[in-house]
Amino acid sequence: MHRQTIRYARNGALGAIGFYLMIALPLLAASMQAPSPSTLQAPLEHALVAPVDAGQDSFS
């Protein structure tokens, strides 16, 4: 009985790992191919920032 219990636990753990990988790997692959919203918005954020005047002292 003890060996069978260990076998069930091992098979359950391996099944859970397999199920996790079956869900996680396609999502990871899809997220690496599609551009993220932060990379799409990055050029817009830089365009909205006013240029800093080199002659202006910001510490006074």
PDB file of N, CA and C in Angstrom:
ATOM      1  N   MET A   1       0.824  -1.205   0.000  1.00  0.00           N
ATOM      2  CA  MET A   1       0.000   0.000   0.000  1.00  0.00           C
ATOM      3  C   MET A   1       0.866   1.266   0.000  1.00  0.00           C
ATOM      4  N   HIS A   2       1.960   1.207   0.722  1.00  0.00           N
ATOM      5  CA  HIS A   2       2.815   2.381   0.823  1.00  0.00           C
ATOM      6  C   HIS A   2       3.423   2.732  -0.536  1.00  0.00           C
ATOM      7  N   ARG A   3       3.901   1.747  -1.256  1.00  0.00           N
ATOM      8  CA  ARG A   3       4.482   2.014  -2.578  1.00  0.00           C
ATOM      9  C   ARG A   3       3.444   2.563  -3.540  1.00  0.00           C
ATOM     10  N   GLN A   4       2.250   2.052  -3.438  1.00  0.00           N
ATOM     11  CA  GLN A   4       1.190   2.521  -4.330  1.00  0.00           C
ATOM     12  C   GLN A   4       0.829   3.975  -4.011  1.00  0.00           C
ATOM     13  N   THR A   5       0.833   4.333  -2.742  1.00  0.00           N
ATOM     14  CA  THR A   5       0.548   5.717  -2.349  1.00  0.00           C
ATOM     15  C   THR A   5       1.619   6.657  -2.886  1.00  0.00           C
ATOM     16  N   ILE A   6       2.870   6.235  -2.778  1.00  0.00           N
ATOM     17  CA  ILE A   6       3.963   7.058  -3.306  1.00  0.00           C
ATOM     18  C   ILE A   6       3.838   7.191  -4.820  1.00  0.00           C
ATOM     19  N   ARG A   7       3.463   6.117  -5.472  1.00  0.00           N
ATOM     20  CA  ARG A   7       3.299   6.154  -6.927  1.00  0.00           C
ATOM     21  C   ARG A   7       2.178   7.118  -7.309  1.00  0.00           C
ATOM     22  N   TYR A   8       1.063   7.077  -6.575  1.00  0.00           N
ATOM     23  CA  TYR A   8      -0.039   8.007  -6.857  1.00  0.00           C
ATOM     24  C   TYR A   8       0.393   9.455  -6.636  1.00  0.00           C
ATOM     25  N   ALA A   9       1.136   9.696  -5.570  1.00  0.00           N
ATOM     26  CA  ALA A   9       1.596  11.059  -5.287  1.00  0.00           C
ATOM     27  C   ALA A   9       2.553  11.540  -6.372  1.00  0.00           C
ATOM     28  N   ARG A  10       3.472  10.670  -6.785  1.00  0.00           N
ATOM     29  CA  ARG A  10       4.420  11.047  -7.831  1.00  0.00           C
ATOM     30  C   ARG A  10       3.700  11.317  -9.147  1.00  0.00           C
ATOM     31  N   ASN A  11       2.781  10.445  -9.503  1.00  0.00           N
ATOM     32  CA  ASN A  11       2.043  10.639 -10.751  1.00  0.00           C
ATOM     33  C   ASN A  11       1.180  11.900 -10.692  1.00  0.00           C
ATOM     34  N   GLY A  12       0.609  12.183  -9.538  1.00  0.00           N
ATOM     35  CA  GLY A  12      -0.177  13.405  -9.389  1.00  0.00           C
ATOM     36  C   GLY A  12       0.683  14.646  -9.516  1.00  0.00           C
ATOM     37  N   ALA A  13       1.873  14.606  -8.914  1.00  0.00           N
ATOM     38  CA  ALA A  13       2.778  15.753  -9.003  1.00  0.00           C
ATOM     39  C   ALA A  13       3.249  15.958 -10.440  1.00  0.00           C
ATOM     40  N   LEU A  14       3.600  14.873 -11.105  1.00  0.00           N
ATOM     41  CA  LEU A  14       4.031  14.993 -12.501  1.00  0.00           C
ATOM     42  C   LEU A  14       2.884  15.465 -13.392  1.00  0.00           C
ATOM     43  N   GLY A  15       1.683  15.015 -13.094  1.00  0.00           N
ATOM     44  CA  GLY A  15       0.522  15.473 -13.857  1.00  0.00           C
ATOM     45  C   GLY A  15       0.268  16.956 -13.655  1.00  0.00           C
ATOM     46  N   ALA A  16       0.432  17.426 -12.413  1.00  0.00           N
ATOM     47  CA  ALA A  16       0.238  18.853 -12.134  1.00  0.00           C
ATOM     48  C   ALA A  16       1.293  19.699 -12.839  1.00  0.00           C
ATOM     49  N   ILE A  17       2.531  19.226 -12.835  1.00  0.00           N
ATOM     50  CA  ILE A  17       3.599  19.954 -13.536  1.00  0.00           C
ATOM     51  C   ILE A  17       3.325  19.979 -15.035  1.00  0.00           C
ATOM     52  N   GLY A  18       2.902  18.854 -15.573  1.00  0.00           N
ATOM     53  CA  GLY A  18       2.580  18.799 -16.999  1.00  0.00           C
ATOM     54  C   GLY A  18       1.429  19.715 -17.364  1.00  0.00           C
ATOM     55  N   PHE A  19       0.406  19.753 -16.507  1.00  0.00           N
ATOM     56  CA  PHE A  19      -0.741  20.626 -16.755  1.00  0.00           C
ATOM     57  C   PHE A  19      -0.315  22.091 -16.712  1.00  0.00           C
ATOM     58  N   TYR A  20       0.528  22.437 -15.736  1.00  0.00           N
ATOM     59  CA  TYR A  20       1.028  23.807 -15.631  1.00  0.00           C
ATOM     60  C   TYR A  20       1.806  24.200 -16.887  1.00  0.00           C
ATOM     61  N   LEU A  21       2.700  23.316 -17.333  1.00  0.00           N
ATOM     62  CA  LEU A  21       3.491  23.620 -18.526  1.00  0.00           C
ATOM     63  C   LEU A  21       2.617  23.702 -19.770  1.00  0.00           C
ATOM     64  N   MET A  22       1.583  22.886 -19.817  1.00  0.00           N
ATOM     65  CA  MET A  22       0.682  22.904 -20.966  1.00  0.00           C
ATOM     66  C   MET A  22      -0.042  24.252 -21.066  1.00  0.00           C
ATOM     67  N   ILE A  23      -0.324  24.869 -19.938  1.00  0.00           N
ATOM     68  CA  ILE A  23      -0.989  26.178 -19.922  1.00  0.00           C
ATOM     69  C   ILE A  23       0.039  27.310 -20.047  1.00  0.00           C
ATOM     70  N   ALA A  24       1.135  27.220 -19.306  1.00  0.00           N
ATOM     71  CA  ALA A  24       2.067  28.343 -19.193  1.00  0.00           C
ATOM     72  C   ALA A  24       2.920  28.553 -20.440  1.00  0.00           C
ATOM     73  N   LEU A  25       3.389  27.494 -21.060  1.00  0.00           N
ATOM     74  CA  LEU A  25       4.303  27.670 -22.193  1.00  0.00           C
ATOM     75  C   LEU A  25       3.660  28.355 -23.399  1.00  0.00           C
ATOM     76  N   PRO A  26       2.438  28.000 -23.811  1.00  0.00           N
ATOM     77  CA  PRO A  26       1.831  28.756 -24.916  1.00  0.00           C
ATOM     78  C   PRO A  26       1.587  30.225 -24.566  1.00  0.00           C
ATOM     79  N   LEU A  27       1.216  30.495 -23.314  1.00  0.00           N
ATOM     80  CA  LEU A  27       1.018  31.891 -22.908  1.00  0.00           C
ATOM     81  C   LEU A  27       2.337  32.657 -22.922  1.00  0.00           C
ATOM     82  N   LEU A  28       3.398  32.014 -22.480  1.00  0.00           N
ATOM     83  CA  LEU A  28       4.705  32.657 -22.506  1.00  0.00           C
ATOM     84  C   LEU A  28       5.155  32.928 -23.936  1.00  0.00           C
ATOM     85  N   ALA A  29       4.963  31.970 -24.807  1.00  0.00           N
ATOM     86  CA  ALA A  29       5.350  32.152 -26.209  1.00  0.00           C
ATOM     87  C   ALA A  29       4.538  33.267 -26.859  1.00  0.00           C
ATOM     88  N   ALA A  30       3.249  33.331 -26.562  1.00  0.00           N
ATOM     89  CA  ALA A  30       2.408  34.385 -27.139  1.00  0.00           C
ATOM     90  C   ALA A  30       2.794  35.754 -26.599  1.00  0.00           C
ATOM     91  N   SER A  31       3.129  35.830 -25.322  1.00  0.00           N
ATOM     92  CA  SER A  31       3.481  37.130 -24.749  1.00  0.00           C
ATOM     93  C   SER A  31       4.830  37.619 -25.256  1.00  0.00           C
ATOM     94  N   MET A  32       5.711  36.721 -25.633  1.00  0.00           N
ATOM     95  CA  MET A  32       7.015  37.149 -26.145  1.00  0.00           C
ATOM     96  C   MET A  32       6.924  37.595 -27.597  1.00  0.00           C
ATOM     97  N   GLN A  33       5.929  37.146 -28.333  1.00  0.00           N
ATOM     98  CA  GLN A  33       5.790  37.531 -29.735  1.00  0.00           C
ATOM     99  C   GLN A  33       5.029  38.836 -29.898  1.00  0.00           C
ATOM    100  N   ALA A  34       4.014  39.062 -29.109  1.00  0.00           N
ATOM    101  CA  ALA A  34       3.186  40.261 -29.242  1.00  0.00           C
ATOM    102  C   ALA A  34       3.869  41.431 -28.537  1.00  0.00           C
ATOM    103  N   PRO A  35       3.811  42.625 -29.111  1.00  0.00           N
ATOM    104  CA  PRO A  35       4.373  43.786 -28.413  1.00  0.00           C
ATOM    105  C   PRO A  35       3.534  44.119 -27.188  1.00  0.00           C
ATOM    106  N   SER A  36       4.203  44.465 -26.121  1.00  0.00           N
ATOM    107  CA  SER A  36       3.485  44.784 -24.892  1.00  0.00           C
ATOM    108  C   SER A  36       2.938  46.209 -24.968  1.00  0.00           C
ATOM    109  N   PRO A  37       1.902  46.514 -24.200  1.00  0.00           N
ATOM    110  CA  PRO A  37       1.352  47.881 -24.209  1.00  0.00           C
ATOM    111  C   PRO A  37       2.370  48.927 -23.758  1.00  0.00           C
ATOM    112  N   SER A  38       3.284  48.564 -22.867  1.00  0.00           N
ATOM    113  CA  SER A  38       4.270  49.544 -22.405  1.00  0.00           C
ATOM    114  C   SER A  38       5.249  49.918 -23.515  1.00  0.00           C
ATOM    115  N   THR A  39       5.594  48.974 -24.391  1.00  0.00           N
ATOM    116  CA  THR A  39       6.497  49.329 -25.486  1.00  0.00           C
ATOM    117  C   THR A  39       5.777  50.119 -26.560  1.00  0.00           C
ATOM    118  N   LEU A  40       4.474  49.933 -26.677  1.00  0.00           N
ATOM    119  CA  LEU A  40       3.725  50.719 -27.647  1.00  0.00           C
ATOM    120  C   LEU A  40       3.544  52.157 -27.177  1.00  0.00           C
ATOM    121  N   GLN A  41       3.458  52.373 -25.866  1.00  0.00           N
ATOM    122  CA  GLN A  41       3.224  53.708 -25.330  1.00  0.00           C
ATOM    123  C   GLN A  41       4.514  54.465 -25.050  1.00  0.00           C
ATOM    124  N   ALA A  42       5.647  53.805 -25.038  1.00  0.00           N
ATOM    125  CA  ALA A  42       6.904  54.462 -24.684  1.00  0.00           C
ATOM    126  C   ALA A  42       7.235  55.644 -25.596  1.00  0.00           C
ATOM    127  N   PRO A  43       7.100  55.543 -26.925  1.00  0.00           N
ATOM    128  CA  PRO A  43       7.407  56.720 -27.746  1.00  0.00           C
ATOM    129  C   PRO A  43       6.460  57.890 -27.470  1.00  0.00           C
ATOM    130  N   LEU A  44       5.214  57.622 -27.139  1.00  0.00           N
ATOM    131  CA  LEU A  44       4.271  58.694 -26.845  1.00  0.00           C
ATOM    132  C   LEU A  44       4.643  59.415 -25.562  1.00  0.00           C
ATOM    133  N   GLU A  45       5.085  58.687 -24.559  1.00  0.00           N
ATOM    134  CA  GLU A  45       5.454  59.318 -23.295  1.00  0.00           C
ATOM    135  C   GLU A  45       6.657  60.233 -23.481  1.00  0.00           C
ATOM    136  N   HIS A  46       7.618  59.817 -24.292  1.00  0.00           N
ATOM    137  CA  HIS A  46       8.793  60.650 -24.513  1.00  0.00           C
ATOM    138  C   HIS A  46       8.439  61.881 -25.344  1.00  0.00           C
ATOM    139  N   ALA A  47       7.458  61.785 -26.203  1.00  0.00           N
ATOM    140  CA  ALA A  47       7.073  62.918 -27.034  1.00  0.00           C
ATOM    141  C   ALA A  47       6.342  63.979 -26.216  1.00  0.00           C
ATOM    142  N   LEU A  48       5.698  63.579 -25.115  1.00  0.00           N
ATOM    143  CA  LEU A  48       4.939  64.526 -24.308  1.00  0.00           C
ATOM    144  C   LEU A  48       5.808  65.269 -23.299  1.00  0.00           C
ATOM    145  N   VAL A  49       7.018  64.814 -23.078  1.00  0.00           N
ATOM    146  CA  VAL A  49       7.907  65.463 -22.122  1.00  0.00           C
ATOM    147  C   VAL A  49       8.553  66.665 -22.795  1.00  0.00           C
ATOM    148  N   ALA A  50       8.507  67.813 -22.121  1.00  0.00           N
ATOM    149  CA  ALA A  50       9.097  69.032 -22.679  1.00  0.00           C
ATOM    150  C   ALA A  50      10.618  68.921 -22.664  1.00  0.00           C
ATOM    151  N   PRO A  51      11.277  69.398 -23.707  1.00  0.00           N
ATOM    152  CA  PRO A  51      12.744  69.353 -23.726  1.00  0.00           C
ATOM    153  C   PRO A  51      13.324  70.269 -22.655  1.00  0.00           C
ATOM    154  N   VAL A  52      14.418  69.852 -22.069  1.00  0.00           N
ATOM    155  CA  VAL A  52      15.066  70.626 -21.011  1.00  0.00           C
ATOM    156  C   VAL A  52      16.024  71.619 -21.658  1.00  0.00           C
ATOM    157  N   ASP A  53      15.929  72.870 -21.232  1.00  0.00           N
ATOM    158  CA  ASP A  53      16.823  73.906 -21.743  1.00  0.00           C
ATOM    159  C   ASP A  53      18.181  73.748 -21.067  1.00  0.00           C
ATOM    160  N   ALA A  54      19.242  73.666 -21.856  1.00  0.00           N
ATOM    161  CA  ALA A  54      20.581  73.438 -21.314  1.00  0.00           C
ATOM    162  C   ALA A  54      21.071  74.632 -20.501  1.00  0.00           C
ATOM    163  N   GLY A  55      20.610  75.830 -20.807  1.00  0.00           N
ATOM    164  CA  GLY A  55      21.067  77.017 -20.093  1.00  0.00           C
ATOM    165  C   GLY A  55      20.276  77.291 -18.827  1.00  0.00           C
ATOM    166  N   GLN A  56      19.209  76.593 -18.595  1.00  0.00           N
ATOM    167  CA  GLN A  56      18.350  76.857 -17.439  1.00  0.00           C
ATOM    168  C   GLN A  56      18.869  76.081 -16.234  1.00  0.00           C
ATOM    169  N   ASP A  57      19.020  76.761 -15.107  1.00  0.00           N
ATOM    170  CA  ASP A  57      19.468  76.106 -13.881  1.00  0.00           C
ATOM    171  C   ASP A  57      18.238  75.671 -13.096  1.00  0.00           C
ATOM    172  N   SER A  58      18.040  74.365 -12.958  1.00  0.00           N
ATOM    173  CA  SER A  58      16.830  73.874 -12.308  1.00  0.00           C
ATOM    174  C   SER A  58      16.972  73.788 -10.800  1.00  0.00           C
ATOM    175  N   PHE A  59      18.173  74.057 -10.257  1.00  0.00           N
ATOM    176  CA  PHE A  59      18.375  73.922  -8.821  1.00  0.00           C
ATOM    177  C   PHE A  59      18.257  75.245  -8.074  1.00  0.00           C
ATOM    178  N   SER A  60      18.078  76.356  -8.758  1.00  0.00           N
ATOM    179  CA  SER A  60      18.013  77.641  -8.049  1.00  0.00           C
ATOM    180  C   SER A  60      16.590  78.065  -7.794  1.00  0.00           C
TER     181      SER A  60
END
